[in-house]
C-alpha atoms as a PDB file:
ATOM      1  CA  UNK A   1      73.612 -32.796  13.491  1.00  0.00           C
ATOM      2  CA  UNK A   2      76.055 -33.209  16.347  1.00  0.00           C
ATOM      3  CA  UNK A   3      76.771 -29.861  17.971  1.00  0.00           C
ATOM      4  CA  UNK A   4      80.052 -28.826  19.536  1.00  0.00           C
ATOM      5  CA  UNK A   5      80.157 -26.915  22.809  1.00  0.00           C
ATOM      6  CA  UNK A   6      83.435 -25.460  23.998  1.00  0.00           C
ATOM      7  CA  UNK A   7      84.247 -25.004  27.683  1.00  0.00           C
ATOM      8  CA  UNK A   8      87.111 -22.606  28.150  1.00  0.00           C
ATOM      9  CA  UNK A   9      88.553 -21.344  31.416  1.00  0.00           C
ATOM     10  CA  UNK A  10      91.828 -20.852  33.206  1.00  0.00           C
ATOM     11  CA  UNK A  11      93.170 -23.236  35.817  1.00  0.00           C
ATOM     12  CA  UNK A  12      95.246 -22.178  38.778  1.00  0.00           C
ATOM     13  CA  UNK A  13      98.836 -23.152  39.544  1.00  0.00           C
ATOM     14  CA  UNK A  14      98.970 -26.809  38.522  1.00  0.00           C
ATOM     15  CA  UNK A  15      99.703 -27.957  34.985  1.00  0.00           C
ATOM     16  CA  UNK A  16      97.146 -30.111  33.189  1.00  0.00           C
ATOM     17  CA  UNK A  17      98.623 -33.146  31.386  1.00  0.00           C
ATOM     18  CA  UNK A  18      98.696 -32.670  27.619  1.00  0.00           C
ATOM     19  CA  UNK A  19      96.538 -35.751  27.130  1.00  0.00           C
ATOM     20  CA  UNK A  20      93.797 -34.037  29.132  1.00  0.00           C
ATOM     21  CA  UNK A  21      94.222 -30.743  27.322  1.00  0.00           C
ATOM     22  CA  UNK A  22      93.414 -32.525  24.080  1.00  0.00           C
ATOM     23  CA  UNK A  23      90.522 -34.586  25.425  1.00  0.00           C
ATOM     24  CA  UNK A  24      87.209 -33.865  23.741  1.00  0.00           C
ATOM     25  CA  UNK A  25      85.102 -35.538  26.391  1.00  0.00           C
ATOM     26  CA  UNK A  26      85.646 -36.943  29.849  1.00  0.00           C
ATOM     27  CA  UNK A  27      86.450 -35.443  33.186  1.00  0.00           C
ATOM     28  CA  UNK A  28      89.151 -32.869  33.824  1.00  0.00           C
ATOM     29  CA  UNK A  29      89.885 -32.155  37.458  1.00  0.00           C
ATOM     30  CA  UNK A  30      92.476 -29.826  38.956  1.00  0.00           C
ATOM     31  CA  UNK A  31      92.560 -28.664  42.578  1.00  0.00           C
ATOM     32  CA  UNK A  32      88.851 -29.361  42.933  1.00  0.00           C
ATOM     33  CA  UNK A  33      87.699 -28.292  39.464  1.00  0.00           C
ATOM     34  CA  UNK A  34      85.436 -31.046  38.154  1.00  0.00           C
ATOM     35  CA  UNK A  35      82.929 -29.657  35.725  1.00  0.00           C
ATOM     36  CA  UNK A  36      82.272 -31.991  32.845  1.00  0.00           C
ATOM     37  CA  UNK A  37      80.562 -34.861  34.654  1.00  0.00           C
ATOM     38  CA  UNK A  38      77.282 -33.178  35.700  1.00  0.00           C
ATOM     39  CA  UNK A  39      76.894 -31.463  32.352  1.00  0.00           C
ATOM     40  CA  UNK A  40      77.264 -34.720  30.496  1.00  0.00           C
ATOM     41  CA  UNK A  41      74.472 -36.139  32.620  1.00  0.00           C
ATOM     42  CA  UNK A  42      72.233 -33.575  30.911  1.00  0.00           C
ATOM     43  CA  UNK A  43      73.604 -33.662  27.351  1.00  0.00           C
ATOM     44  CA  UNK A  44      74.477 -37.030  25.830  1.00  0.00           C
ATOM     45  CA  UNK A  45      77.389 -37.622  23.422  1.00  0.00           C
ATOM     46  CA  UNK A  46      74.991 -38.025  20.494  1.00  0.00           C
ATOM     47  CA  UNK A  47      73.591 -34.550  21.162  1.00  0.00           C
ATOM     48  CA  UNK A  48      76.826 -32.583  21.428  1.00  0.00           C
ATOM     49  CA  UNK A  49      80.590 -32.870  21.637  1.00  0.00           C
ATOM     50  CA  UNK A  50      81.785 -31.113  24.795  1.00  0.00           C
ATOM     51  CA  UNK A  51      85.323 -29.814  24.312  1.00  0.00           C
ATOM     52  CA  UNK A  52      87.210 -28.777  27.455  1.00  0.00           C
ATOM     53  CA  UNK A  53      90.200 -26.460  27.210  1.00  0.00           C
ATOM     54  CA  UNK A  54      91.878 -25.342  30.429  1.00  0.00           C
ATOM     55  CA  UNK A  55      95.468 -24.194  30.952  1.00  0.00           C
ATOM     56  CA  UNK A  56      97.118 -23.989  34.359  1.00  0.00           C
ATOM     57  CA  UNK A  57      97.868 -20.494  35.609  1.00  0.00           C
ATOM     58  CA  UNK A  58      96.893 -18.730  32.382  1.00  0.00           C
ATOM     59  CA  UNK A  59      95.539 -15.205  32.209  1.00  0.00           C
ATOM     60  CA  UNK A  60      93.723 -13.452  29.358  1.00  0.00           C
ATOM     61  CA  UNK A  61      96.974 -12.018  27.986  1.00  0.00           C
ATOM     62  CA  UNK A  62      98.426 -15.460  27.408  1.00  0.00           C
ATOM     63  CA  UNK A  63      95.122 -16.878  26.221  1.00  0.00           C
ATOM     64  CA  UNK A  64      95.251 -14.594  23.183  1.00  0.00           C
ATOM     65  CA  UNK A  65      98.196 -16.607  21.861  1.00  0.00           C
ATOM     66  CA  UNK A  66      96.070 -19.768  21.913  1.00  0.00           C
ATOM     67  CA  UNK A  67      93.019 -18.494  20.055  1.00  0.00           C
ATOM     68  CA  UNK A  68      94.027 -19.483  16.545  1.00  0.00           C
ATOM     69  CA  UNK A  69      95.185 -22.899  17.774  1.00  0.00           C
ATOM     70  CA  UNK A  70      92.023 -23.714  19.725  1.00  0.00           C
ATOM     71  CA  UNK A  71      89.562 -21.841  17.514  1.00  0.00           C
ATOM     72  CA  UNK A  72      90.996 -21.810  13.967  1.00  0.00           C
ATOM     73  CA  UNK A  73      89.127 -19.397  11.725  1.00  0.00           C
ATOM     74  CA  UNK A  74      89.056 -21.926   8.898  1.00  0.00           C
ATOM     75  CA  UNK A  75      87.372 -24.625  11.005  1.00  0.00           C
ATOM     76  CA  UNK A  76      84.507 -26.338   9.199  1.00  0.00           C
ATOM     77  CA  UNK A  77      82.763 -27.038  12.521  1.00  0.00           C
ATOM     78  CA  UNK A  78      83.268 -24.194  15.000  1.00  0.00           C
ATOM     79  CA  UNK A  79      81.539 -24.490  18.383  1.00  0.00           C
ATOM     80  CA  UNK A  80      77.923 -23.413  18.645  1.00  0.00           C
ATOM     81  CA  UNK A  81      78.505 -22.260  22.233  1.00  0.00           C
ATOM     82  CA  UNK A  82      81.521 -21.305  24.326  1.00  0.00           C
ATOM     83  CA  UNK A  83      82.037 -20.328  27.947  1.00  0.00           C
ATOM     84  CA  UNK A  84      84.930 -18.009  28.805  1.00  0.00           C
ATOM     85  CA  UNK A  85      86.112 -18.261  32.403  1.00  0.00           C
ATOM     86  CA  UNK A  86      89.033 -15.928  33.104  1.00  0.00           C
ATOM     87  CA  UNK A  87      89.938 -13.425  35.785  1.00  0.00           C
ATOM     88  CA  UNK A  88      91.249 -15.235  38.853  1.00  0.00           C
ATOM     89  CA  UNK A  89      94.819 -15.105  37.539  1.00  0.00           C
ATOM     90  CA  UNK A  90      94.497 -11.684  35.940  1.00  0.00           C
ATOM     91  CA  UNK A  91      93.481 -10.386  39.379  1.00  0.00           C
ATOM     92  CA  UNK A  92      96.700 -11.592  41.042  1.00  0.00           C
ATOM     93  CA  UNK A  93      98.241  -8.643  42.872  1.00  0.00           C
ATOM     94  CA  UNK A  94     101.236  -6.843  41.439  1.00  0.00           C
ATOM     95  CA  UNK A  95     104.238  -7.045  43.750  1.00  0.00           C
ATOM     96  CA  UNK A  96     103.046 -10.258  45.425  1.00  0.00           C
ATOM     97  CA  UNK A  97     103.847 -13.954  44.950  1.00  0.00           C
ATOM     98  CA  UNK A  98     101.802 -14.373  41.751  1.00  0.00           C
ATOM     99  CA  UNK A  99     102.561 -11.001  40.173  1.00  0.00           C
ATOM    100  CA  UNK A 100     103.699 -12.673  36.939  1.00  0.00           C
ATOM    101  CA  UNK A 101     100.064 -13.548  36.263  1.00  0.00           C
ATOM    102  CA  UNK A 102      98.765 -10.030  36.936  1.00  0.00           C
ATOM    103  CA  UNK A 103      96.963  -8.231  34.108  1.00  0.00           C
ATOM    104  CA  UNK A 104      95.653  -4.672  34.675  1.00  0.00           C
ATOM    105  CA  UNK A 105      91.871  -4.564  34.712  1.00  0.00           C
ATOM    106  CA  UNK A 106      91.522  -2.387  31.596  1.00  0.00           C
ATOM    107  CA  UNK A 107      93.762  -4.757  29.650  1.00  0.00           C
ATOM    108  CA  UNK A 108      91.733  -7.663  31.037  1.00  0.00           C
ATOM    109  CA  UNK A 109      88.578  -6.102  29.595  1.00  0.00           C
ATOM    110  CA  UNK A 110      90.228  -5.489  26.232  1.00  0.00           C
ATOM    111  CA  UNK A 111      91.539  -9.059  26.135  1.00  0.00           C
ATOM    112  CA  UNK A 112      88.026 -10.380  26.764  1.00  0.00           C
ATOM    113  CA  UNK A 113      86.796  -8.250  23.862  1.00  0.00           C
ATOM    114  CA  UNK A 114      89.508  -9.689  21.604  1.00  0.00           C
ATOM    115  CA  UNK A 115      88.613 -13.246  22.604  1.00  0.00           C
ATOM    116  CA  UNK A 116      84.936 -12.627  21.898  1.00  0.00           C
ATOM    117  CA  UNK A 117      85.714 -10.939  18.569  1.00  0.00           C
ATOM    118  CA  UNK A 118      87.752 -13.952  17.468  1.00  0.00           C
ATOM    119  CA  UNK A 119      85.003 -16.367  18.474  1.00  0.00           C
ATOM    120  CA  UNK A 120      82.410 -14.350  16.575  1.00  0.00           C
ATOM    121  CA  UNK A 121      84.655 -14.526  13.512  1.00  0.00           C
ATOM    122  CA  UNK A 122      84.620 -18.309  13.865  1.00  0.00           C
ATOM    123  CA  UNK A 123      80.840 -18.435  14.160  1.00  0.00           C
ATOM    124  CA  UNK A 124      78.738 -15.240  14.165  1.00  0.00           C
ATOM    125  CA  UNK A 125      75.798 -17.067  15.778  1.00  0.00           C
ATOM    126  CA  UNK A 126      77.867 -18.659  18.558  1.00  0.00           C
ATOM    127  CA  UNK A 127      76.393 -18.427  22.059  1.00  0.00           C
ATOM    128  CA  UNK A 128      79.150 -16.932  24.225  1.00  0.00           C
ATOM    129  CA  UNK A 129      78.919 -16.867  28.020  1.00  0.00           C
ATOM    130  CA  UNK A 130      81.371 -14.854  30.117  1.00  0.00           C
ATOM    131  CA  UNK A 131      81.941 -16.212  33.631  1.00  0.00           C
ATOM    132  CA  UNK A 132      83.433 -13.985  36.317  1.00  0.00           C
ATOM    133  CA  UNK A 133      86.204 -15.225  38.587  1.00  0.00           C
ATOM    134  CA  UNK A 134      84.942 -16.811  41.806  1.00  0.00           C
ATOM    135  CA  UNK A 135      85.442 -15.018  45.128  1.00  0.00           C
ATOM    136  CA  UNK A 136      88.663 -15.380  47.101  1.00  0.00           C
ATOM    137  CA  UNK A 137      88.952 -16.385  50.759  1.00  0.00           C
ATOM    138  CA  UNK A 138      92.190 -14.729  51.834  1.00  0.00           C
ATOM    139  CA  UNK A 139      92.300 -16.426  55.234  1.00  0.00           C
ATOM    140  CA  UNK A 140      91.631 -19.804  53.642  1.00  0.00           C
ATOM    141  CA  UNK A 141      94.473 -19.246  51.181  1.00  0.00           C
ATOM    142  CA  UNK A 142      96.829 -18.336  54.004  1.00  0.00           C
ATOM    143  CA  UNK A 143      95.786 -21.387  56.025  1.00  0.00           C
ATOM    144  CA  UNK A 144      96.476 -23.594  53.020  1.00  0.00           C
ATOM    145  CA  UNK A 145      99.888 -21.979  52.479  1.00  0.00           C
ATOM    146  CA  UNK A 146     100.777 -22.522  56.146  1.00  0.00           C
ATOM    147  CA  UNK A 147      99.794 -26.186  55.845  1.00  0.00           C
ATOM    148  CA  UNK A 148     102.289 -26.526  52.990  1.00  0.00           C
ATOM    149  CA  UNK A 149     105.136 -24.226  54.007  1.00  0.00           C
ATOM    150  CA  UNK A 150     104.691 -23.685  57.732  1.00  0.00           C
ATOM    151  CA  UNK A 151     106.494 -20.592  58.956  1.00  0.00           C
ATOM    152  CA  UNK A 152     107.864 -19.915  55.477  1.00  0.00           C
ATOM    153  CA  UNK A 153     104.406 -19.126  54.113  1.00  0.00           C
ATOM    154  CA  UNK A 154     104.060 -15.592  52.784  1.00  0.00           C
ATOM    155  CA  UNK A 155     102.059 -13.299  55.038  1.00  0.00           C
ATOM    156  CA  UNK A 156     100.707 -10.997  52.329  1.00  0.00           C
ATOM    157  CA  UNK A 157      98.005 -12.540  50.113  1.00  0.00           C
ATOM    158  CA  UNK A 158      98.637 -13.001  46.405  1.00  0.00           C
ATOM    159  CA  UNK A 159      94.983 -12.199  45.707  1.00  0.00           C
ATOM    160  CA  UNK A 160      92.210 -10.433  47.591  1.00  0.00           C
ATOM    161  CA  UNK A 161      88.470 -10.761  47.307  1.00  0.00           C
ATOM    162  CA  UNK A 162      88.087  -7.006  46.941  1.00  0.00           C
ATOM    163  CA  UNK A 163      90.359  -6.791  43.900  1.00  0.00           C
ATOM    164  CA  UNK A 164      88.921  -9.959  42.387  1.00  0.00           C
ATOM    165  CA  UNK A 165      85.510  -8.328  42.701  1.00  0.00           C
ATOM    166  CA  UNK A 166      86.744  -5.449  40.540  1.00  0.00           C
ATOM    167  CA  UNK A 167      87.629  -7.947  37.806  1.00  0.00           C
ATOM    168  CA  UNK A 168      84.283  -9.686  38.216  1.00  0.00           C
ATOM    169  CA  UNK A 169      82.514  -6.355  37.723  1.00  0.00           C
ATOM    170  CA  UNK A 170      84.676  -5.659  34.672  1.00  0.00           C
ATOM    171  CA  UNK A 171      83.733  -9.043  33.199  1.00  0.00           C
ATOM    172  CA  UNK A 172      80.026  -8.274  33.596  1.00  0.00           C
ATOM    173  CA  UNK A 173      80.552  -4.846  32.032  1.00  0.00           C
ATOM    174  CA  UNK A 174      82.141  -6.402  28.943  1.00  0.00           C
ATOM    175  CA  UNK A 175      79.310  -8.911  28.642  1.00  0.00           C
ATOM    176  CA  UNK A 176      76.722  -6.118  28.758  1.00  0.00           C
ATOM    177  CA  UNK A 177      78.703  -3.974  26.346  1.00  0.00           C
ATOM    178  CA  UNK A 178      78.874  -6.799  23.801  1.00  0.00           C
ATOM    179  CA  UNK A 179      75.347  -8.076  24.382  1.00  0.00           C
ATOM    180  CA  UNK A 180      76.494 -11.420  25.785  1.00  0.00           C
ATOM    181  CA  UNK A 181      75.182 -13.710  28.488  1.00  0.00           C
ATOM    182  CA  UNK A 182      77.170 -13.845  31.712  1.00  0.00           C
ATOM    183  CA  UNK A 183      77.450 -15.657  35.039  1.00  0.00           C
ATOM    184  CA  UNK A 184      78.358 -13.505  38.046  1.00  0.00           C
ATOM    185  CA  UNK A 185      80.022 -16.291  39.979  1.00  0.00           C
ATOM    186  CA  UNK A 186      81.753 -13.846  42.340  1.00  0.00           C
ATOM    187  CA  UNK A 187      78.421 -12.499  43.608  1.00  0.00           C
ATOM    188  CA  UNK A 188      76.426 -15.722  43.391  1.00  0.00           C
ATOM    189  CA  UNK A 189      78.739 -17.735  45.611  1.00  0.00           C
ATOM    190  CA  UNK A 190      78.846 -15.066  48.299  1.00  0.00           C
ATOM    191  CA  UNK A 191      75.077 -15.261  48.701  1.00  0.00           C
ATOM    192  CA  UNK A 192      75.633 -18.515  50.625  1.00  0.00           C
ATOM    193  CA  UNK A 193      76.606 -18.339  54.290  1.00  0.00           C
ATOM    194  CA  UNK A 194      79.912 -20.107  54.820  1.00  0.00           C
ATOM    195  CA  UNK A 195      80.805 -19.952  51.128  1.00  0.00           C
ATOM    196  CA  UNK A 196      84.496 -19.791  51.998  1.00  0.00           C
ATOM    197  CA  UNK A 197      84.660 -23.444  53.069  1.00  0.00           C
ATOM    198  CA  UNK A 198      81.701 -24.773  51.122  1.00  0.00           C
ATOM    199  CA  UNK A 199      82.800 -23.583  47.701  1.00  0.00           C
ATOM    200  CA  UNK A 200      86.586 -23.162  47.982  1.00  0.00           C
ATOM    201  CA  UNK A 201      89.027 -25.932  48.845  1.00  0.00           C
ATOM    202  CA  UNK A 202      92.025 -23.729  49.603  1.00  0.00           C
ATOM    203  CA  UNK A 203      90.710 -20.197  49.481  1.00  0.00           C
ATOM    204  CA  UNK A 204      90.974 -20.083  45.700  1.00  0.00           C
ATOM    205  CA  UNK A 205      90.093 -23.332  43.910  1.00  0.00           C
ATOM    206  CA  UNK A 206      86.575 -24.698  43.710  1.00  0.00           C
ATOM    207  CA  UNK A 207      85.254 -27.667  45.670  1.00  0.00           C
ATOM    208  CA  UNK A 208      82.794 -30.077  43.997  1.00  0.00           C
ATOM    209  CA  UNK A 209      80.023 -27.954  45.526  1.00  0.00           C
ATOM    210  CA  UNK A 210      81.608 -24.865  44.006  1.00  0.00           C
ATOM    211  CA  UNK A 211      81.702 -26.539  40.627  1.00  0.00           C
ATOM    212  CA  UNK A 212      78.051 -27.371  41.146  1.00  0.00           C
ATOM    213  CA  UNK A 213      77.284 -23.657  41.318  1.00  0.00           C
ATOM    214  CA  UNK A 214      79.140 -23.095  38.036  1.00  0.00           C
ATOM    215  CA  UNK A 215      77.204 -25.937  36.452  1.00  0.00           C
ATOM    216  CA  UNK A 216      73.823 -24.713  37.667  1.00  0.00           C
ATOM    217  CA  UNK A 217      74.437 -21.156  36.510  1.00  0.00           C
ATOM    218  CA  UNK A 218      75.748 -22.142  33.076  1.00  0.00           C
ATOM    219  CA  UNK A 219      72.861 -24.550  32.511  1.00  0.00           C
ATOM    220  CA  UNK A 220      70.461 -21.785  33.541  1.00  0.00           C
ATOM    221  CA  UNK A 221      71.918 -19.530  30.848  1.00  0.00           C
ATOM    222  CA  UNK A 222      71.895 -22.308  28.255  1.00  0.00           C
ATOM    223  CA  UNK A 223      68.283 -23.188  29.013  1.00  0.00           C
ATOM    224  CA  UNK A 224      67.335 -19.542  28.675  1.00  0.00           C
ATOM    225  CA  UNK A 225      68.942 -19.414  25.261  1.00  0.00           C
ATOM    226  CA  UNK A 226      68.542 -22.198  22.720  1.00  0.00           C
ATOM    227  CA  UNK A 227      70.664 -24.986  24.163  1.00  0.00           C
ATOM    228  CA  UNK A 228      68.239 -26.781  26.445  1.00  0.00           C
ATOM    229  CA  UNK A 229      69.171 -30.465  26.600  1.00  0.00           C
ATOM    230  CA  UNK A 230      65.519 -31.418  26.188  1.00  0.00           C
ATOM    231  CA  UNK A 231      65.319 -29.561  22.886  1.00  0.00           C
ATOM    232  CA  UNK A 232      68.648 -30.563  21.361  1.00  0.00           C
ATOM    233  CA  UNK A 233      68.263 -33.110  18.546  1.00  0.00           C
ATOM    234  CA  UNK A 234      70.160 -36.383  18.375  1.00  0.00           C
ATOM    235  CA  UNK A 235      72.664 -36.869  15.586  1.00  0.00           C
ATOM    236  CA  UNK A 236      71.412 -40.423  15.023  1.00  0.00           C
ATOM    237  CA  UNK A 237      68.165 -42.171  16.026  1.00  0.00           C
ATOM    238  CA  UNK A 238      67.498 -43.249  19.604  1.00  0.00           C
ATOM    239  CA  UNK A 239      67.693 -47.027  19.911  1.00  0.00           C
ATOM    240  CA  UNK A 240      63.969 -47.201  20.615  1.00  0.00           C
ATOM    241  CA  UNK A 241      63.327 -45.807  17.139  1.00  0.00           C
ATOM    242  CA  UNK A 242      65.262 -48.562  15.378  1.00  0.00           C
ATOM    243  CA  UNK A 243      63.241 -51.503  14.090  1.00  0.00           C
ATOM    244  CA  UNK A 244      65.344 -54.652  14.639  1.00  0.00           C
ATOM    245  CA  UNK A 245      63.731 -56.213  11.568  1.00  0.00           C
ATOM    246  CA  UNK A 246      64.307 -53.173   9.376  1.00  0.00           C
ATOM    247  CA  UNK A 247      67.046 -50.988  10.937  1.00  0.00           C
ATOM    248  CA  UNK A 248      67.839 -49.249   7.657  1.00  0.00           C
ATOM    249  CA  UNK A 249      64.540 -47.356   7.768  1.00  0.00           C
ATOM    250  CA  UNK A 250      65.479 -45.361  10.883  1.00  0.00           C
ATOM    251  CA  UNK A 251      68.707 -44.167   9.313  1.00  0.00           C
ATOM    252  CA  UNK A 252      67.090 -43.322   5.997  1.00  0.00           C
ATOM    253  CA  UNK A 253      64.785 -40.927   7.832  1.00  0.00           C
ATOM    254  CA  UNK A 254      67.664 -38.990   9.411  1.00  0.00           C
END
């Protein structure tokens, strides 16, 4: 049976066209985020439907309003696995340029719990993976702002790596509390020397290499659970199993 895997995370600043928001497969890219392509090289369309849902600038507070629309409780085919990737916007600093996105860390944790609770109502056996926000390169963000606005660029950062790290820790705490798998992207990326330029395009958004880290870590979690691509069944027979002289037989055995 064809499985459905949901990828869910927040995007920064730019709006994603509605046609892309509704796409079930295919590539979604925004400021360097390009995640679906490598995963689809591992899992083919006749193994799973990969559903991408990302909304520009959203935080966990706003995401709660989308739950019933994206994950209706009466769905006959809820996802078997979902990744939740929030925190970069929640961690925006109060009193700075992106303060409208700020969510206090305790509310952030409670919102993650509510999201997980809703998903478990959809499918009690769903594999849920919480992903922390990536690190922030404050100098890189300021350089990018200066390249856009010159002398009018704000001097005080809208986000800091220290505060984002607090949200990353909170995300891991919720995962442990609820017995969920997690990816500590904030810590993992900073293990690499020069991560600021290698993994972040503008101090905040991921480069293709940064997306590669997300991919590798999520696949590691999936393989450690029960979603290894090698073990996932096909919904219909592989072409090599179809007898050209008697094709009906292969489909009767499904």
